[in-house]
Amino acid sequence: MNTLTIDDIQNSAELDHQEMTKIQGGRMKLPGQHIGSILTSADGDPVGVYVDGVLQNSITDGFYHG
């Protein structure tokens, strides 16, 4: 078994709590935006989720309304 030790790469910058709360899922949160696990397009618009041809969430807000 080989071991690789890397010493010449800079340490990642640590974010403080204030900076971390601005980021969710790799995207910046916008004021007034719902916080949750909704699927969005690259533009941030909710994406409809279908299971067996049946819409499972609202394409208006991205949340399940069953």
N, C-alpha and C. Protein backbone atom coordinates (compact mmCIF):
# COMPACT_ATOMS: atom_id res chain seq x y z
N MET A 1 0.84 -1.18 0.00
CA MET A 1 0.00 0.00 0.00
C MET A 1 0.88 1.24 0.00
N ASN A 2 0.59 2.17 -0.89
CA ASN A 2 1.36 3.41 -0.99
C ASN A 2 0.64 4.53 -0.26
N THR A 3 1.42 5.42 0.31
CA THR A 3 0.86 6.58 1.01
C THR A 3 1.33 7.83 0.30
N LEU A 4 0.42 8.74 0.05
CA LEU A 4 0.75 10.01 -0.59
C LEU A 4 0.53 11.12 0.42
N THR A 5 1.58 11.88 0.67
CA THR A 5 1.48 13.02 1.57
C THR A 5 1.64 14.29 0.76
N ILE A 6 0.68 15.17 0.85
CA ILE A 6 0.71 16.42 0.10
C ILE A 6 0.94 17.56 1.07
N ASP A 7 2.04 18.27 0.88
CA ASP A 7 2.39 19.37 1.78
C ASP A 7 2.33 20.73 1.11
N ASP A 8 2.33 20.78 -0.21
CA ASP A 8 2.46 22.07 -0.89
C ASP A 8 1.13 22.70 -1.30
N ILE A 9 0.02 22.16 -0.86
CA ILE A 9 -1.28 22.74 -1.16
C ILE A 9 -1.74 23.55 0.04
N GLN A 10 -2.23 24.76 -0.24
CA GLN A 10 -2.69 25.62 0.85
C GLN A 10 -3.92 25.02 1.53
N ASN A 11 -4.03 25.26 2.81
CA ASN A 11 -5.21 24.82 3.55
C ASN A 11 -6.43 25.59 3.06
N SER A 12 -7.57 24.94 3.11
CA SER A 12 -8.80 25.63 2.70
C SER A 12 -9.15 26.70 3.73
N ALA A 13 -9.75 27.76 3.27
CA ALA A 13 -10.15 28.84 4.16
C ALA A 13 -11.39 28.42 4.94
N GLU A 14 -11.39 28.66 6.21
CA GLU A 14 -12.53 28.33 7.05
C GLU A 14 -13.53 29.49 7.01
N LEU A 15 -14.79 29.16 6.84
CA LEU A 15 -15.83 30.19 6.85
C LEU A 15 -16.38 30.32 8.26
N ASP A 16 -16.66 31.55 8.66
CA ASP A 16 -17.29 31.72 9.97
C ASP A 16 -18.79 31.42 9.83
N HIS A 17 -19.47 31.36 10.95
CA HIS A 17 -20.88 30.98 10.97
C HIS A 17 -21.72 31.93 10.11
N GLN A 18 -21.41 33.20 10.15
CA GLN A 18 -22.16 34.20 9.37
C GLN A 18 -22.05 33.91 7.88
N GLU A 19 -20.85 33.59 7.40
CA GLU A 19 -20.65 33.30 5.98
C GLU A 19 -21.31 31.98 5.59
N MET A 20 -21.27 31.00 6.48
CA MET A 20 -21.84 29.69 6.19
C MET A 20 -23.36 29.75 6.06
N THR A 21 -24.00 30.64 6.83
CA THR A 21 -25.46 30.71 6.76
C THR A 21 -25.95 31.33 5.46
N LYS A 22 -25.05 32.01 4.73
CA LYS A 22 -25.42 32.59 3.45
C LYS A 22 -25.40 31.56 2.32
N ILE A 23 -24.79 30.42 2.58
CA ILE A 23 -24.61 29.41 1.54
C ILE A 23 -25.43 28.18 1.87
N GLN A 24 -26.14 27.64 0.89
CA GLN A 24 -26.89 26.40 1.08
C GLN A 24 -26.86 25.63 -0.22
N GLY A 25 -26.38 24.40 -0.17
CA GLY A 25 -26.36 23.56 -1.35
C GLY A 25 -25.49 24.12 -2.47
N GLY A 26 -24.47 24.86 -2.12
CA GLY A 26 -23.58 25.41 -3.12
C GLY A 26 -24.12 26.66 -3.79
N ARG A 27 -25.27 27.13 -3.40
CA ARG A 27 -25.86 28.33 -3.99
C ARG A 27 -26.07 29.36 -2.89
N MET A 28 -25.97 30.60 -3.25
CA MET A 28 -26.25 31.66 -2.29
C MET A 28 -27.75 31.74 -2.07
N LYS A 29 -28.15 31.91 -0.82
CA LYS A 29 -29.56 32.09 -0.51
C LYS A 29 -29.96 33.52 -0.83
N LEU A 30 -31.13 33.68 -1.41
CA LEU A 30 -31.64 35.01 -1.72
C LEU A 30 -32.64 35.43 -0.65
N PRO A 31 -32.72 36.72 -0.33
CA PRO A 31 -33.71 37.18 0.65
C PRO A 31 -35.11 36.78 0.22
N GLY A 32 -35.90 36.23 1.14
CA GLY A 32 -37.26 35.82 0.85
C GLY A 32 -37.39 34.46 0.20
N GLN A 33 -36.26 33.80 -0.05
CA GLN A 33 -36.29 32.49 -0.70
C GLN A 33 -36.63 31.42 0.32
N HIS A 34 -37.45 30.42 -0.10
CA HIS A 34 -37.76 29.31 0.79
C HIS A 34 -36.50 28.49 1.02
N ILE A 35 -36.33 28.03 2.25
CA ILE A 35 -35.19 27.18 2.58
C ILE A 35 -35.71 25.76 2.70
N GLY A 36 -35.18 24.88 1.94
CA GLY A 36 -35.62 23.50 1.96
C GLY A 36 -34.91 22.72 0.88
N SER A 37 -35.30 21.49 0.72
CA SER A 37 -34.64 20.63 -0.25
C SER A 37 -35.49 20.50 -1.50
N ILE A 38 -35.69 21.60 -2.20
CA ILE A 38 -36.46 21.55 -3.44
C ILE A 38 -35.50 21.45 -4.61
N LEU A 39 -35.96 20.84 -5.68
CA LEU A 39 -35.15 20.75 -6.88
C LEU A 39 -35.35 22.01 -7.69
N THR A 40 -34.23 22.59 -8.13
CA THR A 40 -34.31 23.81 -8.93
C THR A 40 -33.49 23.67 -10.19
N SER A 41 -33.85 24.44 -11.19
CA SER A 41 -33.07 24.49 -12.42
C SER A 41 -31.83 25.36 -12.17
N ALA A 42 -30.98 25.47 -13.18
CA ALA A 42 -29.78 26.30 -13.04
C ALA A 42 -30.14 27.77 -12.81
N ASP A 43 -31.33 28.17 -13.23
CA ASP A 43 -31.79 29.55 -13.01
C ASP A 43 -32.43 29.75 -11.65
N GLY A 44 -32.59 28.67 -10.87
CA GLY A 44 -33.20 28.77 -9.55
C GLY A 44 -34.69 28.57 -9.54
N ASP A 45 -35.27 28.23 -10.69
CA ASP A 45 -36.72 27.99 -10.75
C ASP A 45 -37.04 26.58 -10.30
N PRO A 46 -38.15 26.38 -9.58
CA PRO A 46 -38.53 25.03 -9.15
C PRO A 46 -38.76 24.11 -10.35
N VAL A 47 -38.39 22.85 -10.19
CA VAL A 47 -38.53 21.85 -11.25
C VAL A 47 -39.60 20.86 -10.82
N GLY A 48 -40.52 20.54 -11.72
CA GLY A 48 -41.55 19.55 -11.43
C GLY A 48 -40.95 18.16 -11.29
N VAL A 49 -41.39 17.40 -10.29
CA VAL A 49 -40.92 16.04 -10.07
C VAL A 49 -42.08 15.09 -10.35
N TYR A 50 -41.84 14.16 -11.26
CA TYR A 50 -42.86 13.18 -11.64
C TYR A 50 -42.43 11.79 -11.21
N VAL A 51 -43.36 11.01 -10.66
CA VAL A 51 -43.13 9.61 -10.33
C VAL A 51 -44.23 8.82 -11.00
N ASP A 52 -43.85 7.90 -11.87
CA ASP A 52 -44.81 7.10 -12.65
C ASP A 52 -45.80 7.99 -13.38
N GLY A 53 -45.32 9.12 -13.91
CA GLY A 53 -46.17 10.01 -14.68
C GLY A 53 -47.07 10.92 -13.88
N VAL A 54 -46.93 10.90 -12.55
CA VAL A 54 -47.78 11.73 -11.68
C VAL A 54 -46.92 12.82 -11.06
N LEU A 55 -47.36 14.07 -11.20
CA LEU A 55 -46.62 15.20 -10.62
C LEU A 55 -46.63 15.08 -9.10
N GLN A 56 -45.45 15.13 -8.48
CA GLN A 56 -45.33 14.96 -7.04
C GLN A 56 -45.10 16.27 -6.29
N ASN A 57 -44.79 17.35 -6.99
CA ASN A 57 -44.58 18.62 -6.31
C ASN A 57 -45.15 19.75 -7.15
N SER A 58 -45.25 20.90 -6.54
CA SER A 58 -45.77 22.07 -7.23
C SER A 58 -44.65 22.72 -8.03
N ILE A 59 -44.88 22.94 -9.32
CA ILE A 59 -43.84 23.61 -10.10
C ILE A 59 -43.87 25.12 -9.85
N THR A 60 -44.82 25.57 -9.02
CA THR A 60 -44.86 26.98 -8.64
C THR A 60 -43.86 27.27 -7.53
N ASP A 61 -43.88 26.43 -6.47
CA ASP A 61 -42.96 26.67 -5.35
C ASP A 61 -42.01 25.51 -5.10
N GLY A 62 -42.15 24.38 -5.81
CA GLY A 62 -41.23 23.27 -5.67
C GLY A 62 -41.52 22.33 -4.53
N PHE A 63 -42.52 22.62 -3.71
CA PHE A 63 -42.82 21.78 -2.56
C PHE A 63 -43.96 20.81 -2.85
N TYR A 64 -43.99 19.72 -2.11
CA TYR A 64 -45.02 18.70 -2.26
C TYR A 64 -46.31 19.19 -1.62
N HIS A 65 -47.40 19.13 -2.35
CA HIS A 65 -48.72 19.50 -1.84
C HIS A 65 -49.67 18.34 -2.08
N GLY A 66 -49.54 17.27 -1.31
CA GLY A 66 -50.33 16.07 -1.55
C GLY A 66 -51.44 15.99 -0.62
